[in-house]
Amino acid sequence: MSATTLFSIGEALIDMIPSQSGCAFAEVPAFRPRIGGAPANVCGAFAALGGRAALLTQLGDDPFGHKIARELAAHGIDVSRVPFTRQANTALAFVALGADGNRTFSFYRNPSADLLYSASQIDPAWFRDAFALHFCSVSLVESPMKAAHDAAIHAAGEAGAIISFDPNLRFPLWPDRDALRRTVLAYLPRASVLKISDEELAFLTDAGDIEAALPQLFAGDVQLVLYTCGGGGAHAYTRSAHAFAQGSKVQAVDTTGAGDGFIGSFLWQLSRDGVTREGLAALTPSRLEQYLRFSNRFCGLSVQRYGAIDSYPSLSEMETD
């Protein structure tokens, strides 16, 4: 693989999307299965734009697991390193959608096949020519998968790849909120790119605004902070530069995977322009603003469609929109 390949580690699951918006779980008449999971979604956004993306996870040897592998491959994602197991089933996430497109979740994942993915299944040689490794917090609960993350982050870091972290907080999956907060803050300094939303900021930093939080966020290896505010736009910060871009004004029908699409499309732009881990700190405000505008528009198109990976626009759609 070339140095333009994005690796993403963590869960791949089935999002059960409701057939009707604006109602509670008990009122949803039917659900449609769509492939999802934040790490898989990030690969999907990267691949939709023409990038090379490889997912590192484990699936159940069941119909849902094979559906995920088949559809991810059809979307151009490399699943050659994704094993199947009969020790646990593929994870499911049932979604209810509010009238504004925002979501609530109910997870079937205790444990699921992805949580049994272990450090021994990670080969450091995979990352020899990697552009970046992306991960989230959902799979950092105490499990073999957490150790797999440690092994992958170490190997990718040693290879010089960008390490991208989106906390992507999912409170129902954690025994308590303090455990989630401690875990995210422990992994944050290992990232070179950090993506955080306005909804996550106060929980993780106890700061009233992003400017006050930056000294905490620029910890360890962090060189670039992406701060997303939904329809309110997005900010990008290096230790010496700042940029902002307004969000797309659209009528959202489903925000599932929107944040994943943002970071996936942003990483694709870094890869396209040959930005290395060492080059992140030198990004100019004008360049950062261009990247933010592109990723905001990518998300604006995505949220007007249902699902996550299925909703991501191609590069040709981006260029003609």
C-alpha atoms as a PDB file:
ATOM      1  CA  MET A   1       0.000   0.000   0.000  1.00  0.00           C
ATOM      2  CA  SER A   2       1.068   3.548  -0.624  1.00  0.00           C
ATOM      3  CA  ALA A   3       1.551   6.267   1.973  1.00  0.00           C
ATOM      4  CA  THR A   4      -1.871   7.645   1.046  1.00  0.00           C
ATOM      5  CA  THR A   5      -3.720   4.826   2.824  1.00  0.00           C
ATOM      6  CA  LEU A   6      -5.902   5.653   5.792  1.00  0.00           C
ATOM      7  CA  PHE A   7      -6.270   2.941   8.415  1.00  0.00           C
ATOM      8  CA  SER A   8      -9.181   3.124  10.834  1.00  0.00           C
ATOM      9  CA  ILE A   9      -9.564   0.855  13.862  1.00  0.00           C
ATOM     10  CA  GLY A  10     -12.656   0.124  15.916  1.00  0.00           C
ATOM     11  CA  GLU A  11     -16.241  -0.983  15.547  1.00  0.00           C
ATOM     12  CA  ALA A  12     -18.126  -1.832  12.388  1.00  0.00           C
ATOM     13  CA  LEU A  13     -21.786  -2.489  13.037  1.00  0.00           C
ATOM     14  CA  ILE A  14     -25.301  -2.407  11.675  1.00  0.00           C
ATOM     15  CA  ASP A  15     -27.201   0.837  12.215  1.00  0.00           C
ATOM     16  CA  MET A  16     -30.900   0.039  12.386  1.00  0.00           C
ATOM     17  CA  ILE A  17     -32.338   3.219  10.855  1.00  0.00           C
ATOM     18  CA  PRO A  18     -35.992   3.981  11.670  1.00  0.00           C
ATOM     19  CA  SER A  19     -38.496   4.113   8.855  1.00  0.00           C
ATOM     20  CA  GLN A  20     -40.098   7.159  10.457  1.00  0.00           C
ATOM     21  CA  SER A  21     -38.563  10.272  12.026  1.00  0.00           C
ATOM     22  CA  GLY A  22     -39.866  12.353  14.900  1.00  0.00           C
ATOM     23  CA  CYS A  23     -40.935   9.495  17.164  1.00  0.00           C
ATOM     24  CA  ALA A  24     -39.579   7.518  20.118  1.00  0.00           C
ATOM     25  CA  PHE A  25     -38.196   3.970  19.835  1.00  0.00           C
ATOM     26  CA  ALA A  26     -41.462   2.394  20.971  1.00  0.00           C
ATOM     27  CA  GLU A  27     -43.303   4.195  18.185  1.00  0.00           C
ATOM     28  CA  VAL A  28     -40.992   3.312  15.285  1.00  0.00           C
ATOM     29  CA  PRO A  29     -42.908   0.984  12.946  1.00  0.00           C
ATOM     30  CA  ALA A  30     -39.853  -0.561  11.261  1.00  0.00           C
ATOM     31  CA  PHE A  31     -36.054  -0.371  11.013  1.00  0.00           C
ATOM     32  CA  ARG A  32     -33.806  -0.646   7.951  1.00  0.00           C
ATOM     33  CA  PRO A  33     -30.307  -2.140   8.350  1.00  0.00           C
ATOM     34  CA  ARG A  34     -27.449   0.106   7.195  1.00  0.00           C
ATOM     35  CA  ILE A  35     -23.749  -0.436   7.716  1.00  0.00           C
ATOM     36  CA  GLY A  36     -22.158   1.902  10.241  1.00  0.00           C
ATOM     37  CA  GLY A  37     -19.769   2.350  13.136  1.00  0.00           C
ATOM     38  CA  ALA A  38     -17.680   5.511  13.297  1.00  0.00           C
ATOM     39  CA  PRO A  39     -14.330   4.002  12.186  1.00  0.00           C
ATOM     40  CA  ALA A  40     -16.034   2.304   9.243  1.00  0.00           C
ATOM     41  CA  ASN A  41     -17.816   5.542   8.380  1.00  0.00           C
ATOM     42  CA  VAL A  42     -14.541   7.476   8.315  1.00  0.00           C
ATOM     43  CA  CYS A  43     -13.146   4.900   5.890  1.00  0.00           C
ATOM     44  CA  GLY A  44     -16.317   5.301   3.840  1.00  0.00           C
ATOM     45  CA  ALA A  45     -15.947   9.081   3.555  1.00  0.00           C
ATOM     46  CA  PHE A  46     -12.266   8.768   2.649  1.00  0.00           C
ATOM     47  CA  ALA A  47     -13.011   6.114   0.023  1.00  0.00           C
ATOM     48  CA  ALA A  48     -16.025   7.989  -1.405  1.00  0.00           C
ATOM     49  CA  LEU A  49     -13.656  10.787  -2.387  1.00  0.00           C
ATOM     50  CA  GLY A  50     -11.274   8.368  -4.071  1.00  0.00           C
ATOM     51  CA  GLY A  51      -8.887   7.677  -1.207  1.00  0.00           C
ATOM     52  CA  ARG A  52      -7.501   4.312  -0.129  1.00  0.00           C
ATOM     53  CA  ALA A  53      -8.941   3.225   3.214  1.00  0.00           C
ATOM     54  CA  ALA A  54      -8.492   0.034   5.223  1.00  0.00           C
ATOM     55  CA  LEU A  55     -10.588  -0.993   8.224  1.00  0.00           C
ATOM     56  CA  LEU A  56      -9.193  -2.890  11.214  1.00  0.00           C
ATOM     57  CA  THR A  57     -11.929  -4.667  13.142  1.00  0.00           C
ATOM     58  CA  GLN A  58     -13.534  -8.056  13.703  1.00  0.00           C
ATOM     59  CA  LEU A  59     -16.996  -9.168  12.632  1.00  0.00           C
ATOM     60  CA  GLY A  60     -19.277 -11.957  13.720  1.00  0.00           C
ATOM     61  CA  ASP A  61     -19.475 -14.958  11.429  1.00  0.00           C
ATOM     62  CA  ASP A  62     -23.148 -14.210  10.944  1.00  0.00           C
ATOM     63  CA  PRO A  63     -25.346 -12.683   8.219  1.00  0.00           C
ATOM     64  CA  PHE A  64     -24.867  -9.137   9.517  1.00  0.00           C
ATOM     65  CA  GLY A  65     -21.073  -9.516   9.664  1.00  0.00           C
ATOM     66  CA  HIS A  66     -20.898 -10.781   6.100  1.00  0.00           C
ATOM     67  CA  LYS A  67     -23.268  -8.037   4.976  1.00  0.00           C
ATOM     68  CA  ILE A  68     -20.936  -5.418   6.471  1.00  0.00           C
ATOM     69  CA  ALA A  69     -17.818  -6.885   4.846  1.00  0.00           C
ATOM     70  CA  ARG A  70     -19.529  -7.228   1.481  1.00  0.00           C
ATOM     71  CA  GLU A  71     -20.919  -3.681   1.473  1.00  0.00           C
ATOM     72  CA  LEU A  72     -17.738  -2.065   2.785  1.00  0.00           C
ATOM     73  CA  ALA A  73     -15.797  -3.747  -0.005  1.00  0.00           C
ATOM     74  CA  ALA A  74     -18.402  -2.519  -2.511  1.00  0.00           C
ATOM     75  CA  HIS A  75     -17.738   1.018  -1.234  1.00  0.00           C
ATOM     76  CA  GLY A  76     -14.037   0.597  -2.009  1.00  0.00           C
ATOM     77  CA  ILE A  77     -12.853  -0.071   1.562  1.00  0.00           C
ATOM     78  CA  ASP A  78     -10.102  -2.646   2.087  1.00  0.00           C
ATOM     79  CA  VAL A  79     -11.465  -5.354   4.420  1.00  0.00           C
ATOM     80  CA  SER A  80      -8.714  -7.896   3.758  1.00  0.00           C
ATOM     81  CA  ARG A  81      -7.549  -7.625   7.386  1.00  0.00           C
ATOM     82  CA  VAL A  82     -11.008  -8.094   8.902  1.00  0.00           C
ATOM     83  CA  PRO A  83     -11.441 -11.569  10.427  1.00  0.00           C
ATOM     84  CA  PHE A  84     -14.720 -13.287  11.336  1.00  0.00           C
ATOM     85  CA  THR A  85     -15.396 -14.983  14.668  1.00  0.00           C
ATOM     86  CA  ARG A  86     -18.092 -17.265  16.050  1.00  0.00           C
ATOM     87  CA  GLN A  87     -17.328 -16.222  19.633  1.00  0.00           C
ATOM     88  CA  ALA A  88     -19.725 -13.257  19.475  1.00  0.00           C
ATOM     89  CA  ASN A  89     -22.219 -11.647  17.132  1.00  0.00           C
ATOM     90  CA  THR A  90     -21.856  -8.507  15.043  1.00  0.00           C
ATOM     91  CA  ALA A  91     -22.866  -5.359  16.944  1.00  0.00           C
ATOM     92  CA  LEU A  92     -26.205  -3.656  16.293  1.00  0.00           C
ATOM     93  CA  ALA A  93     -27.180  -0.038  16.998  1.00  0.00           C
ATOM     94  CA  PHE A  94     -30.867   0.865  16.840  1.00  0.00           C
ATOM     95  CA  VAL A  95     -31.417   4.541  16.055  1.00  0.00           C
ATOM     96  CA  ALA A  96     -34.374   6.835  16.692  1.00  0.00           C
ATOM     97  CA  LEU A  97     -34.489  10.112  14.776  1.00  0.00           C
ATOM     98  CA  GLY A  98     -35.962  13.356  16.048  1.00  0.00           C
ATOM     99  CA  ALA A  99     -37.801  15.755  13.771  1.00  0.00           C
ATOM    100  CA  ASP A 100     -34.530  17.703  13.376  1.00  0.00           C
ATOM    101  CA  GLY A 101     -32.584  14.610  12.298  1.00  0.00           C
ATOM    102  CA  ASN A 102     -30.737  14.201  15.611  1.00  0.00           C
ATOM    103  CA  ARG A 103     -30.355  10.707  17.001  1.00  0.00           C
ATOM    104  CA  THR A 104     -30.691   8.577  20.104  1.00  0.00           C
ATOM    105  CA  PHE A 105     -29.197   5.069  20.258  1.00  0.00           C
ATOM    106  CA  SER A 106     -29.834   1.652  21.746  1.00  0.00           C
ATOM    107  CA  PHE A 107     -26.855  -0.710  21.423  1.00  0.00           C
ATOM    108  CA  TYR A 108     -26.677  -4.523  21.272  1.00  0.00           C
ATOM    109  CA  ARG A 109     -22.993  -5.039  22.012  1.00  0.00           C
ATOM    110  CA  ASN A 110     -22.192  -6.911  25.237  1.00  0.00           C
ATOM    111  CA  PRO A 111     -19.809  -8.083  23.973  1.00  0.00           C
ATOM    112  CA  SER A 112     -19.800  -8.005  20.209  1.00  0.00           C
ATOM    113  CA  ALA A 113     -17.310  -9.505  17.788  1.00  0.00           C
ATOM    114  CA  ASP A 114     -15.335  -6.278  17.406  1.00  0.00           C
ATOM    115  CA  LEU A 115     -14.605  -6.075  21.155  1.00  0.00           C
ATOM    116  CA  LEU A 116     -12.817  -9.442  20.956  1.00  0.00           C
ATOM    117  CA  TYR A 117     -10.309  -8.154  18.391  1.00  0.00           C
ATOM    118  CA  SER A 118      -6.913  -8.414  20.093  1.00  0.00           C
ATOM    119  CA  ALA A 119      -3.434  -6.894  19.978  1.00  0.00           C
ATOM    120  CA  SER A 120      -2.024 -10.176  18.668  1.00  0.00           C
ATOM    121  CA  GLN A 121      -4.048  -9.647  15.485  1.00  0.00           C
ATOM    122  CA  ILE A 122      -2.264  -6.344  14.716  1.00  0.00           C
ATOM    123  CA  ASP A 123       0.738  -6.567  12.392  1.00  0.00           C
ATOM    124  CA  PRO A 124       3.055  -3.513  12.715  1.00  0.00           C
ATOM    125  CA  ALA A 125       4.140  -4.034   9.110  1.00  0.00           C
ATOM    126  CA  TRP A 126       0.697  -2.870   7.962  1.00  0.00           C
ATOM    127  CA  PHE A 127       1.561   0.704   8.894  1.00  0.00           C
ATOM    128  CA  ARG A 128       4.931   0.886   7.182  1.00  0.00           C
ATOM    129  CA  ASP A 129       3.534   3.145   4.462  1.00  0.00           C
ATOM    130  CA  ALA A 130       0.352   4.402   6.190  1.00  0.00           C
ATOM    131  CA  PHE A 131      -0.790   7.990   5.795  1.00  0.00           C
ATOM    132  CA  ALA A 132      -2.854   7.986   8.995  1.00  0.00           C
ATOM    133  CA  LEU A 133      -4.546   5.871  11.650  1.00  0.00           C
ATOM    134  CA  HIS A 134      -7.950   7.021  12.887  1.00  0.00           C
ATOM    135  CA  PHE A 135      -9.722   5.863  16.055  1.00  0.00           C
ATOM    136  CA  CYS A 136     -12.606   6.813  18.358  1.00  0.00           C
ATOM    137  CA  SER A 137     -13.537   6.152  21.993  1.00  0.00           C
ATOM    138  CA  VAL A 138     -16.386   3.657  21.506  1.00  0.00           C
ATOM    139  CA  SER A 139     -13.986   0.704  21.365  1.00  0.00           C
ATOM    140  CA  LEU A 140     -11.758   1.877  24.224  1.00  0.00           C
ATOM    141  CA  VAL A 141     -13.869   0.153  26.887  1.00  0.00           C
ATOM    142  CA  GLU A 142     -11.947  -2.510  28.806  1.00  0.00           C
ATOM    143  CA  SER A 143     -11.669  -5.312  26.262  1.00  0.00           C
ATOM    144  CA  PRO A 144      -9.164  -6.994  23.943  1.00  0.00           C
ATOM    145  CA  MET A 145     -10.050  -4.296  21.390  1.00  0.00           C
ATOM    146  CA  LYS A 146      -8.590  -1.606  23.660  1.00  0.00           C
ATOM    147  CA  ALA A 147      -5.246  -3.443  23.641  1.00  0.00           C
ATOM    148  CA  ALA A 148      -5.522  -3.725  19.851  1.00  0.00           C
ATOM    149  CA  HIS A 149      -5.851   0.062  19.725  1.00  0.00           C
ATOM    150  CA  ASP A 150      -2.728   0.443  21.833  1.00  0.00           C
ATOM    151  CA  ALA A 151      -0.776  -1.822  19.497  1.00  0.00           C
ATOM    152  CA  ALA A 152      -2.034  -0.066  16.357  1.00  0.00           C
ATOM    153  CA  ILE A 153      -1.446   3.447  17.696  1.00  0.00           C
ATOM    154  CA  HIS A 154       2.089   2.528  18.721  1.00  0.00           C
ATOM    155  CA  ALA A 155       2.907   0.880  15.394  1.00  0.00           C
ATOM    156  CA  ALA A 156       1.413   3.674  13.295  1.00  0.00           C
ATOM    157  CA  GLY A 157       3.161   6.304  15.404  1.00  0.00           C
ATOM    158  CA  GLU A 158       6.493   4.543  15.011  1.00  0.00           C
ATOM    159  CA  ALA A 159       5.907   4.502  11.243  1.00  0.00           C
ATOM    160  CA  GLY A 160       5.414   8.279  11.217  1.00  0.00           C
ATOM    161  CA  ALA A 161       1.706   8.234  10.361  1.00  0.00           C
ATOM    162  CA  ILE A 162      -0.759  10.911  11.435  1.00  0.00           C
ATOM    163  CA  ILE A 163      -2.784   9.701  14.422  1.00  0.00           C
ATOM    164  CA  SER A 164      -6.361  10.993  14.260  1.00  0.00           C
ATOM    165  CA  PHE A 165      -8.725  10.812  17.254  1.00  0.00           C
ATOM    166  CA  ASP A 166     -12.438  11.633  17.364  1.00  0.00           C
ATOM    167  CA  PRO A 167     -13.804  10.903  20.871  1.00  0.00           C
ATOM    168  CA  ASN A 168     -17.301  10.406  19.382  1.00  0.00           C
ATOM    169  CA  LEU A 169     -18.809  10.003  22.846  1.00  0.00           C
ATOM    170  CA  ARG A 170     -21.468   7.315  23.319  1.00  0.00           C
ATOM    171  CA  PHE A 171     -22.434   7.428  27.003  1.00  0.00           C
ATOM    172  CA  PRO A 172     -24.709   4.316  27.072  1.00  0.00           C
ATOM    173  CA  LEU A 173     -21.721   2.101  26.234  1.00  0.00           C
ATOM    174  CA  TRP A 174     -19.736   3.042  29.347  1.00  0.00           C
ATOM    175  CA  PRO A 175     -20.195   1.913  32.971  1.00  0.00           C
ATOM    176  CA  ASP A 176     -19.990   5.525  34.092  1.00  0.00           C
ATOM    177  CA  ARG A 177     -19.159   8.912  32.633  1.00  0.00           C
ATOM    178  CA  ASP A 178     -16.007   9.372  34.682  1.00  0.00           C
ATOM    179  CA  ALA A 179     -14.497   6.237  33.138  1.00  0.00           C
ATOM    180  CA  LEU A 180     -15.225   7.585  29.659  1.00  0.00           C
ATOM    181  CA  ARG A 181     -13.746  10.990  30.450  1.00  0.00           C
ATOM    182  CA  ARG A 182     -10.579   9.499  31.979  1.00  0.00           C
ATOM    183  CA  THR A 183     -10.088   7.213  28.992  1.00  0.00           C
ATOM    184  CA  VAL A 184     -10.509   9.959  26.391  1.00  0.00           C
ATOM    185  CA  LEU A 185      -8.123  12.275  28.246  1.00  0.00           C
ATOM    186  CA  ALA A 186      -5.558   9.456  28.494  1.00  0.00           C
ATOM    187  CA  TYR A 187      -5.636   8.809  24.736  1.00  0.00           C
ATOM    188  CA  LEU A 188      -5.904  12.432  23.620  1.00  0.00           C
ATOM    189  CA  PRO A 189      -2.152  13.230  23.952  1.00  0.00           C
ATOM    190  CA  ARG A 190      -1.338  10.315  21.634  1.00  0.00           C
ATOM    191  CA  ALA A 191      -3.154  11.957  18.704  1.00  0.00           C
ATOM    192  CA  SER A 192      -1.722  14.436  16.231  1.00  0.00           C
ATOM    193  CA  VAL A 193      -5.187  15.431  14.943  1.00  0.00           C
ATOM    194  CA  LEU A 194      -8.063  15.806  17.420  1.00  0.00           C
ATOM    195  CA  LYS A 195     -11.667  16.298  16.301  1.00  0.00           C
ATOM    196  CA  ILE A 196     -14.107  17.429  18.992  1.00  0.00           C
ATOM    197  CA  SER A 197     -17.689  18.698  18.826  1.00  0.00           C
ATOM    198  CA  ASP A 198     -19.321  21.534  20.709  1.00  0.00           C
ATOM    199  CA  GLU A 199     -21.449  18.972  22.575  1.00  0.00           C
ATOM    200  CA  GLU A 200     -18.318  17.167  23.801  1.00  0.00           C
ATOM    201  CA  LEU A 201     -16.208  20.167  24.794  1.00  0.00           C
ATOM    202  CA  ALA A 202     -17.632  20.944  28.247  1.00  0.00           C
ATOM    203  CA  PHE A 203     -17.750  17.275  29.268  1.00  0.00           C
ATOM    204  CA  LEU A 204     -14.110  16.675  28.409  1.00  0.00           C
ATOM    205  CA  THR A 205     -12.535  19.962  29.493  1.00  0.00           C
ATOM    206  CA  ASP A 206     -14.880  21.764  31.924  1.00  0.00           C
ATOM    207  CA  ALA A 207     -14.163  24.867  29.819  1.00  0.00           C
ATOM    208  CA  GLY A 208     -16.856  27.327  28.810  1.00  0.00           C
ATOM    209  CA  ASP A 209     -15.581  27.818  25.258  1.00  0.00           C
ATOM    210  CA  ILE A 210     -13.078  26.430  22.800  1.00  0.00           C
ATOM    211  CA  GLU A 211     -10.516  29.191  23.292  1.00  0.00           C
ATOM    212  CA  ALA A 212     -10.360  28.461  27.012  1.00  0.00           C
ATOM    213  CA  ALA A 213     -10.103  24.722  26.338  1.00  0.00           C
ATOM    214  CA  LEU A 214      -7.242  24.844  23.827  1.00  0.00           C
ATOM    215  CA  PRO A 215      -4.405  24.664  26.415  1.00  0.00           C
ATOM    216  CA  GLN A 216      -5.912  21.361  27.605  1.00  0.00           C
ATOM    217  CA  LEU A 217      -6.527  20.062  24.098  1.00  0.00           C
ATOM    218  CA  PHE A 218      -3.023  20.827  22.817  1.00  0.00           C
ATOM    219  CA  ALA A 219      -1.571  18.097  25.004  1.00  0.00           C
ATOM    220  CA  GLY A 220       1.200  15.710  24.072  1.00  0.00           C
ATOM    221  CA  ASP A 221       1.459  15.133  20.321  1.00  0.00           C
ATOM    222  CA  VAL A 222      -1.670  17.113  19.307  1.00  0.00           C
ATOM    223  CA  GLN A 223      -0.855  19.502  16.434  1.00  0.00           C
ATOM    224  CA  LEU A 224      -4.308  20.193  14.962  1.00  0.00           C
ATOM    225  CA  VAL A 225      -7.677  20.597  16.728  1.00  0.00           C
ATOM    226  CA  LEU A 226     -10.886  20.473  14.686  1.00  0.00           C
ATOM    227  CA  TYR A 227     -13.874  21.898  16.541  1.00  0.00           C
ATOM    228  CA  THR A 228     -17.261  21.247  14.947  1.00  0.00           C
ATOM    229  CA  CYS A 229     -20.490  23.055  15.841  1.00  0.00           C
ATOM    230  CA  GLY A 230     -23.024  21.289  13.624  1.00  0.00           C
ATOM    231  CA  GLY A 231     -24.892  23.824  11.509  1.00  0.00           C
ATOM    232  CA  GLY A 232     -22.910  26.561  13.272  1.00  0.00           C
ATOM    233  CA  GLY A 233     -19.782  25.771  11.290  1.00  0.00           C
ATOM    234  CA  ALA A 234     -16.350  24.457  12.196  1.00  0.00           C
ATOM    235  CA  HIS A 235     -13.025  25.763  13.491  1.00  0.00           C
ATOM    236  CA  ALA A 236      -9.483  24.498  12.951  1.00  0.00           C
ATOM    237  CA  TYR A 237      -6.608  25.361  15.271  1.00  0.00           C
ATOM    238  CA  THR A 238      -2.917  24.717  15.177  1.00  0.00           C
ATOM    239  CA  ARG A 239      -0.704  26.084  17.938  1.00  0.00           C
ATOM    240  CA  SER A 240      -0.181  29.215  15.821  1.00  0.00           C
ATOM    241  CA  ALA A 241      -3.145  29.477  13.410  1.00  0.00           C
ATOM    242  CA  HIS A 242      -6.944  29.551  13.435  1.00  0.00           C
ATOM    243  CA  ALA A 243      -9.590  29.254  10.729  1.00  0.00           C
ATOM    244  CA  PHE A 244     -13.378  29.138  10.668  1.00  0.00           C
ATOM    245  CA  ALA A 245     -15.929  28.189   8.019  1.00  0.00           C
ATOM    246  CA  GLN A 246     -19.700  28.503   8.144  1.00  0.00           C
ATOM    247  CA  GLY A 247     -21.787  25.350   7.987  1.00  0.00           C
ATOM    248  CA  SER A 248     -24.018  24.466   5.062  1.00  0.00           C
ATOM    249  CA  LYS A 249     -27.613  25.666   5.491  1.00  0.00           C
ATOM    250  CA  VAL A 250     -29.621  22.574   4.599  1.00  0.00           C
ATOM    251  CA  GLN A 251     -32.647  20.663   5.867  1.00  0.00           C
ATOM    252  CA  ALA A 252     -31.188  17.625   7.627  1.00  0.00           C
ATOM    253  CA  VAL A 253     -33.118  14.361   7.466  1.00  0.00           C
ATOM    254  CA  ASP A 254     -30.486  12.151   9.166  1.00  0.00           C
ATOM    255  CA  THR A 255     -27.291  13.274  10.901  1.00  0.00           C
ATOM    256  CA  THR A 256     -26.002   9.713  11.367  1.00  0.00           C
ATOM    257  CA  GLY A 257     -22.322   9.663  10.414  1.00  0.00           C
ATOM    258  CA  ALA A 258     -22.082  13.417   9.803  1.00  0.00           C
ATOM    259  CA  GLY A 259     -19.160  13.933  12.176  1.00  0.00           C
ATOM    260  CA  ASP A 260     -17.426  10.883  10.718  1.00  0.00           C
ATOM    261  CA  GLY A 261     -17.915  12.304   7.250  1.00  0.00           C
ATOM    262  CA  PHE A 262     -16.375  15.569   8.388  1.00  0.00           C
ATOM    263  CA  ILE A 263     -13.160  14.040   9.732  1.00  0.00           C
ATOM    264  CA  GLY A 264     -12.952  11.486   6.910  1.00  0.00           C
ATOM    265  CA  SER A 265     -13.212  14.170   4.247  1.00  0.00           C
ATOM    266  CA  PHE A 266     -10.788  16.414   6.128  1.00  0.00           C
ATOM    267  CA  LEU A 267      -8.205  13.632   6.341  1.00  0.00           C
ATOM    268  CA  TRP A 268      -8.698  12.950   2.628  1.00  0.00           C
ATOM    269  CA  GLN A 269      -7.732  16.547   1.857  1.00  0.00           C
ATOM    270  CA  LEU A 270      -4.594  16.251   3.991  1.00  0.00           C
ATOM    271  CA  SER A 271      -3.690  13.077   2.123  1.00  0.00           C
ATOM    272  CA  ARG A 272      -4.430  14.630  -1.275  1.00  0.00           C
ATOM    273  CA  ASP A 273      -2.093  17.521  -0.500  1.00  0.00           C
ATOM    274  CA  GLY A 274       0.647  15.331   0.945  1.00  0.00           C
ATOM    275  CA  VAL A 275       0.429  16.829   4.443  1.00  0.00           C
ATOM    276  CA  THR A 276       2.513  14.740   6.842  1.00  0.00           C
ATOM    277  CA  ARG A 277       2.424  14.590  10.634  1.00  0.00           C
ATOM    278  CA  GLU A 278       5.318  17.039  10.719  1.00  0.00           C
ATOM    279  CA  GLY A 279       3.523  19.361   8.299  1.00  0.00           C
ATOM    280  CA  LEU A 280       0.353  19.793  10.367  1.00  0.00           C
ATOM    281  CA  ALA A 281       1.795  22.606  12.470  1.00  0.00           C
ATOM    282  CA  ALA A 282       2.650  24.635   9.351  1.00  0.00           C
ATOM    283  CA  LEU A 283      -0.863  24.684   7.888  1.00  0.00           C
ATOM    284  CA  THR A 284      -1.935  28.274   7.152  1.00  0.00           C
ATOM    285  CA  PRO A 285      -5.289  29.844   8.045  1.00  0.00           C
ATOM    286  CA  SER A 286      -6.257  30.064   4.377  1.00  0.00           C
ATOM    287  CA  ARG A 287      -5.476  26.408   3.748  1.00  0.00           C
ATOM    288  CA  LEU A 288      -7.345  25.362   6.887  1.00  0.00           C
ATOM    289  CA  GLU A 289     -10.364  27.417   5.853  1.00  0.00           C
ATOM    290  CA  GLN A 290     -10.424  25.720   2.446  1.00  0.00           C
ATOM    291  CA  TYR A 291     -10.378  22.317   4.145  1.00  0.00           C
ATOM    292  CA  LEU A 292     -13.165  23.299   6.545  1.00  0.00           C
ATOM    293  CA  ARG A 293     -15.384  24.614   3.745  1.00  0.00           C
ATOM    294  CA  PHE A 294     -14.973  21.387   1.801  1.00  0.00           C
ATOM    295  CA  SER A 295     -15.758  19.180   4.799  1.00  0.00           C
ATOM    296  CA  ASN A 296     -18.742  21.305   5.806  1.00  0.00           C
ATOM    297  CA  ARG A 297     -20.154  20.962   2.305  1.00  0.00           C
ATOM    298  CA  PHE A 298     -19.470  17.219   2.351  1.00  0.00           C
ATOM    299  CA  CYS A 299     -21.520  16.934   5.548  1.00  0.00           C
ATOM    300  CA  GLY A 300     -24.215  19.227   4.182  1.00  0.00           C
ATOM    301  CA  LEU A 301     -24.825  16.828   1.315  1.00  0.00           C
ATOM    302  CA  SER A 302     -24.636  13.790   3.581  1.00  0.00           C
ATOM    303  CA  VAL A 303     -27.282  14.850   6.115  1.00  0.00           C
ATOM    304  CA  GLN A 304     -29.848  15.314   3.343  1.00  0.00           C
ATOM    305  CA  ARG A 305     -29.788  11.541   2.809  1.00  0.00           C
ATOM    306  CA  TYR A 306     -30.431   8.567   5.104  1.00  0.00           C
ATOM    307  CA  GLY A 307     -27.690   6.408   6.578  1.00  0.00           C
ATOM    308  CA  ALA A 308     -23.979   7.060   6.955  1.00  0.00           C
ATOM    309  CA  ILE A 309     -21.661   5.564   4.328  1.00  0.00           C
ATOM    310  CA  ASP A 310     -24.520   5.332   1.833  1.00  0.00           C
ATOM    311  CA  SER A 311     -25.080   9.079   2.196  1.00  0.00           C
ATOM    312  CA  TYR A 312     -21.526  10.248   1.496  1.00  0.00           C
ATOM    313  CA  PRO A 313     -21.023  12.160  -1.779  1.00  0.00           C
ATOM    314  CA  SER A 314     -18.382  11.224  -4.306  1.00  0.00           C
ATOM    315  CA  LEU A 315     -15.694  13.620  -5.451  1.00  0.00           C
ATOM    316  CA  SER A 316     -17.569  14.220  -8.695  1.00  0.00           C
ATOM    317  CA  GLU A 317     -20.698  15.159  -6.716  1.00  0.00           C
ATOM    318  CA  MET A 318     -18.640  17.559  -4.624  1.00  0.00           C
ATOM    319  CA  GLU A 319     -17.195  19.163  -7.736  1.00  0.00           C
ATOM    320  CA  THR A 320     -20.555  19.575  -9.482  1.00  0.00           C
ATOM    321  CA  ASP A 321     -22.693  20.567  -6.487  1.00  0.00           C
END
